[in-house]
Amino acid sequence: NVTFGPDVTYIGANSFPYCINVKKVTIPKNVTHLGIDIFCKVRAMVTEVDIDCPVIGEMAFYQDCITKITIGDNVEVIEPRAFSSSWDLETVVMGNNVKKIGASAFANASKLKNINFPESLEEIGKAAFTQCKSLVSVELPDKLSSLGEQAFYTCLALKSVRLPDGLEIISASTFSDCSALTEVNFPKSLKSIQSSAFSGTALKEIHLPE
């Protein structure tokens, strides 16, 4: 296991290459910088991550074979591709203060079935959860104002979506090819549904706000 002490503030890119025995990583709130792919070349070993630093950096755990991620209350930003292609990821425990999930942050997490979105969340980036093929339901909080293109593209098991009350735009291909999707609420605030937003879904009834 790897646990960083209270004086560590910076973890650079590729800091722990070929550390083949690492299975669990704990990153505390005092870490302010997390480099790209910090555990490169150990993708078969790192299975659990506890992280509480303010920003989870771009590609920090790209393609690692993580099964569980615990995101603490000090985390506010998850940058693009932070956990992309974590094919074994099953569980994400999201902290209460996450405001932004970047583009492709959890893309291709094909075993992820559920994720809790905190009330603090304001933005989900492009393709953030694309091809999360086991994700069953999504409940988005009312503070969310930006939902990127292809955010949930090809989430094949997705059956129901709760959109936030203040959402004005459903971006292009947001739920495209979610072939099991049968239930979506459309909030009164909605002004625009962009191209192919629900292409290839199983929706039978659509009730748009007046």
Protein backbone atom coordinates (compact mmCIF):
# COMPACT_ATOMS: atom_id res chain seq x y z
CA ASN A 1 0.00 0.00 0.00
CA VAL A 2 1.04 3.62 -0.58
CA THR A 3 -0.02 6.40 1.83
CA PHE A 4 1.33 9.94 1.52
CA GLY A 5 2.14 11.95 4.65
CA PRO A 6 0.91 15.42 5.68
CA ASP A 7 3.93 17.25 4.22
CA VAL A 8 3.57 15.94 0.67
CA THR A 9 2.02 18.52 -1.66
CA TYR A 10 3.29 17.53 -5.12
CA ILE A 11 3.22 14.15 -6.87
CA GLY A 12 4.71 14.35 -10.35
CA ALA A 13 3.87 12.48 -13.54
CA ASN A 14 4.87 8.81 -13.71
CA SER A 15 6.17 8.95 -10.13
CA PHE A 16 5.83 5.24 -9.43
CA PRO A 17 6.52 3.34 -12.65
CA TYR A 18 6.79 -0.45 -12.48
CA CYS A 19 5.78 -0.60 -8.78
CA ILE A 20 4.12 -3.93 -9.43
CA ASN A 21 3.14 -4.75 -5.82
CA VAL A 22 1.06 -1.61 -5.16
CA LYS A 23 -2.59 -2.47 -4.53
CA LYS A 24 -4.03 0.48 -2.59
CA VAL A 25 -3.25 4.20 -2.81
CA THR A 26 -4.30 6.87 -0.27
CA ILE A 27 -3.85 10.51 -1.27
CA PRO A 28 -4.71 13.13 1.41
CA LYS A 29 -6.01 16.68 1.15
CA ASN A 30 -2.57 18.31 1.50
CA VAL A 31 -1.59 17.11 -2.00
CA THR A 32 -2.27 20.02 -4.37
CA HIS A 33 -0.77 18.60 -7.57
CA LEU A 34 -1.28 15.13 -9.00
CA GLY A 35 0.64 14.37 -12.18
CA ILE A 36 -0.31 12.32 -15.23
CA ASP A 37 -0.41 8.53 -14.84
CA ILE A 38 1.38 8.45 -11.51
CA PHE A 39 1.29 4.65 -11.34
CA CYS A 40 2.13 3.92 -14.95
CA LYS A 41 3.00 0.35 -15.92
CA VAL A 42 1.24 -1.15 -12.85
CA ARG A 43 -2.23 -1.39 -14.35
CA ALA A 44 -2.75 -4.96 -13.21
CA MET A 45 -2.13 -4.16 -9.53
CA VAL A 46 -3.64 -0.88 -8.24
CA THR A 47 -7.19 -1.84 -7.31
CA GLU A 48 -8.29 0.68 -4.66
CA VAL A 49 -7.85 4.45 -4.41
CA ASP A 50 -8.77 6.78 -1.52
CA ILE A 51 -8.24 10.36 -2.61
CA ASP A 52 -8.98 13.67 -0.88
CA CYS A 53 -6.85 16.29 -2.65
CA PRO A 54 -8.69 19.34 -4.13
CA VAL A 55 -7.97 18.47 -7.77
CA ILE A 56 -7.61 14.98 -9.23
CA GLY A 57 -5.29 15.63 -12.14
CA GLU A 58 -5.70 14.76 -15.80
CA MET A 59 -5.04 11.08 -16.54
CA ALA A 60 -3.87 10.57 -12.94
CA PHE A 61 -5.08 6.96 -12.91
CA TYR A 62 -5.58 6.41 -16.62
CA GLN A 63 -6.08 2.72 -17.47
CA ASP A 64 -5.31 1.52 -13.95
CA CYS A 65 -7.25 -1.61 -12.98
CA ILE A 66 -9.04 0.06 -10.07
CA THR A 67 -12.14 -1.63 -8.63
CA LYS A 68 -13.07 0.98 -6.00
CA ILE A 69 -12.57 4.75 -5.76
CA THR A 70 -13.39 6.76 -2.64
CA ILE A 71 -13.41 10.50 -3.36
CA GLY A 72 -13.23 12.66 -0.24
CA ASP A 73 -15.05 15.86 0.66
CA ASN A 74 -12.03 18.06 -0.15
CA VAL A 75 -12.14 17.10 -3.83
CA GLU A 76 -13.73 19.78 -6.04
CA VAL A 77 -12.46 18.95 -9.53
CA ILE A 78 -11.92 15.68 -11.37
CA GLU A 79 -9.94 16.57 -14.48
CA PRO A 80 -10.24 14.96 -17.94
CA ARG A 81 -9.52 11.24 -18.24
CA ALA A 82 -8.59 11.01 -14.54
CA PHE A 83 -9.97 7.46 -14.31
CA SER A 84 -10.56 6.79 -17.99
CA SER A 85 -10.48 3.19 -19.17
CA SER A 86 -10.65 1.76 -15.65
CA TRP A 87 -12.31 -1.35 -17.03
CA ASP A 88 -12.58 -3.12 -13.66
CA LEU A 89 -14.08 -0.17 -11.79
CA GLU A 90 -17.25 -1.23 -9.94
CA THR A 91 -17.67 1.29 -7.11
CA VAL A 92 -17.30 5.06 -6.89
CA VAL A 93 -18.04 6.83 -3.61
CA MET A 94 -18.27 10.51 -4.51
CA GLY A 95 -17.49 13.24 -1.97
CA ASN A 96 -19.97 15.98 -1.10
CA ASN A 97 -18.13 18.91 -2.70
CA VAL A 98 -17.23 17.82 -6.23
CA LYS A 99 -18.14 20.65 -8.63
CA LYS A 100 -16.71 19.50 -11.94
CA ILE A 101 -16.19 16.14 -13.65
CA GLY A 102 -13.98 16.62 -16.69
CA ALA A 103 -14.16 15.18 -20.18
CA SER A 104 -13.85 11.38 -20.37
CA ALA A 105 -13.13 11.26 -16.63
CA PHE A 106 -14.77 7.86 -16.23
CA ALA A 107 -15.06 6.84 -19.87
CA ASN A 108 -14.99 3.10 -20.58
CA ALA A 109 -15.57 2.09 -16.94
CA SER A 110 -17.62 -0.79 -18.29
CA LYS A 111 -18.34 -2.49 -14.92
CA LEU A 112 -19.56 0.62 -13.09
CA LYS A 113 -23.21 0.09 -12.12
CA ASN A 114 -24.02 3.07 -9.90
CA ILE A 115 -22.56 6.44 -9.00
CA ASN A 116 -23.81 9.07 -6.58
CA PHE A 117 -23.66 12.63 -7.87
CA PRO A 118 -23.35 15.19 -5.03
CA GLU A 119 -25.59 18.24 -4.78
CA SER A 120 -22.52 20.43 -5.35
CA LEU A 121 -21.98 19.19 -8.93
CA GLU A 122 -22.18 21.95 -11.56
CA GLU A 123 -20.55 20.49 -14.67
CA ILE A 124 -20.13 17.12 -16.40
CA GLY A 125 -17.73 17.25 -19.33
CA LYS A 126 -17.86 15.74 -22.79
CA ALA A 127 -17.95 11.92 -22.83
CA ALA A 128 -17.40 11.82 -19.06
CA PHE A 129 -19.25 8.50 -18.70
CA THR A 130 -19.31 7.29 -22.27
CA GLN A 131 -19.40 3.51 -22.62
CA CYS A 132 -20.07 2.88 -18.93
CA LYS A 133 -22.01 -0.12 -20.16
CA SER A 134 -23.23 -1.38 -16.76
CA LEU A 135 -24.57 1.93 -15.44
CA VAL A 136 -28.27 1.43 -14.64
CA SER A 137 -29.62 4.80 -13.46
CA VAL A 138 -28.55 8.43 -13.25
CA GLU A 139 -29.88 11.13 -10.91
CA LEU A 140 -28.33 14.52 -11.63
CA PRO A 141 -28.43 17.26 -8.97
CA ASP A 142 -30.21 20.58 -9.46
CA LYS A 143 -27.01 22.67 -9.40
CA LEU A 144 -25.83 20.96 -12.59
CA SER A 145 -25.98 23.52 -15.41
CA SER A 146 -23.64 21.99 -18.00
CA LEU A 147 -23.95 18.49 -19.43
CA GLY A 148 -21.40 17.83 -22.16
CA GLU A 149 -21.82 16.12 -25.50
CA GLN A 150 -21.81 12.31 -25.36
CA ALA A 151 -21.74 12.47 -21.56
CA PHE A 152 -23.52 9.12 -21.27
CA TYR A 153 -23.07 7.85 -24.82
CA THR A 154 -23.48 4.07 -25.24
CA CYS A 155 -24.36 3.36 -21.62
CA LEU A 156 -26.14 0.20 -22.73
CA ALA A 157 -27.75 -0.76 -19.40
CA LEU A 158 -28.99 2.74 -18.54
CA LYS A 159 -32.75 2.60 -17.92
CA SER A 160 -33.68 5.85 -16.17
CA VAL A 161 -32.37 9.41 -16.02
CA ARG A 162 -33.37 12.23 -13.71
CA LEU A 163 -32.38 15.59 -15.24
CA PRO A 164 -31.91 18.63 -12.99
CA ASP A 165 -34.58 21.30 -12.70
CA GLY A 166 -32.33 24.12 -13.91
CA LEU A 167 -30.90 22.40 -16.99
CA GLU A 168 -31.44 24.40 -20.20
CA ILE A 169 -29.55 22.39 -22.85
CA ILE A 170 -29.24 18.67 -23.52
CA SER A 171 -26.12 18.49 -25.67
CA ALA A 172 -25.58 16.48 -28.83
CA SER A 173 -25.49 12.69 -28.41
CA THR A 174 -25.67 12.98 -24.61
CA PHE A 175 -27.67 9.76 -24.29
CA SER A 176 -27.20 8.40 -27.79
CA ASP A 177 -27.20 4.60 -28.10
CA CYS A 178 -28.40 4.08 -24.53
CA SER A 179 -30.50 1.26 -25.91
CA ALA A 180 -32.24 0.35 -22.61
CA LEU A 181 -33.25 3.92 -21.73
CA THR A 182 -37.02 4.14 -21.23
CA GLU A 183 -37.50 6.87 -18.61
CA VAL A 184 -36.39 10.52 -18.71
CA ASN A 185 -37.89 13.60 -17.10
CA PHE A 186 -37.66 16.86 -19.04
CA PRO A 187 -37.38 19.86 -16.69
CA LYS A 188 -39.42 23.05 -17.20
CA SER A 189 -36.18 25.00 -17.61
CA LEU A 190 -35.27 23.09 -20.80
CA LYS A 191 -34.74 25.25 -23.92
CA SER A 192 -32.82 23.08 -26.36
CA ILE A 193 -32.35 19.40 -27.21
CA GLN A 194 -29.43 19.10 -29.60
CA SER A 195 -28.83 16.62 -32.39
CA SER A 196 -28.95 12.87 -31.67
CA ALA A 197 -29.32 13.52 -27.94
CA PHE A 198 -31.56 10.45 -27.55
CA SER A 199 -30.77 8.58 -30.76
CA GLY A 200 -30.94 4.82 -30.37
CA THR A 201 -32.77 4.80 -27.02
CA ALA A 202 -35.90 2.84 -26.08
CA LEU A 203 -38.02 5.88 -25.17
CA LYS A 204 -41.71 5.34 -25.95
CA GLU A 205 -43.21 8.54 -24.56
CA ILE A 206 -41.75 12.04 -24.44
CA HIS A 207 -43.41 14.80 -22.43
CA LEU A 208 -41.76 18.12 -23.12
CA PRO A 209 -42.34 21.20 -20.91
CA GLU A 210 -44.69 23.89 -22.22
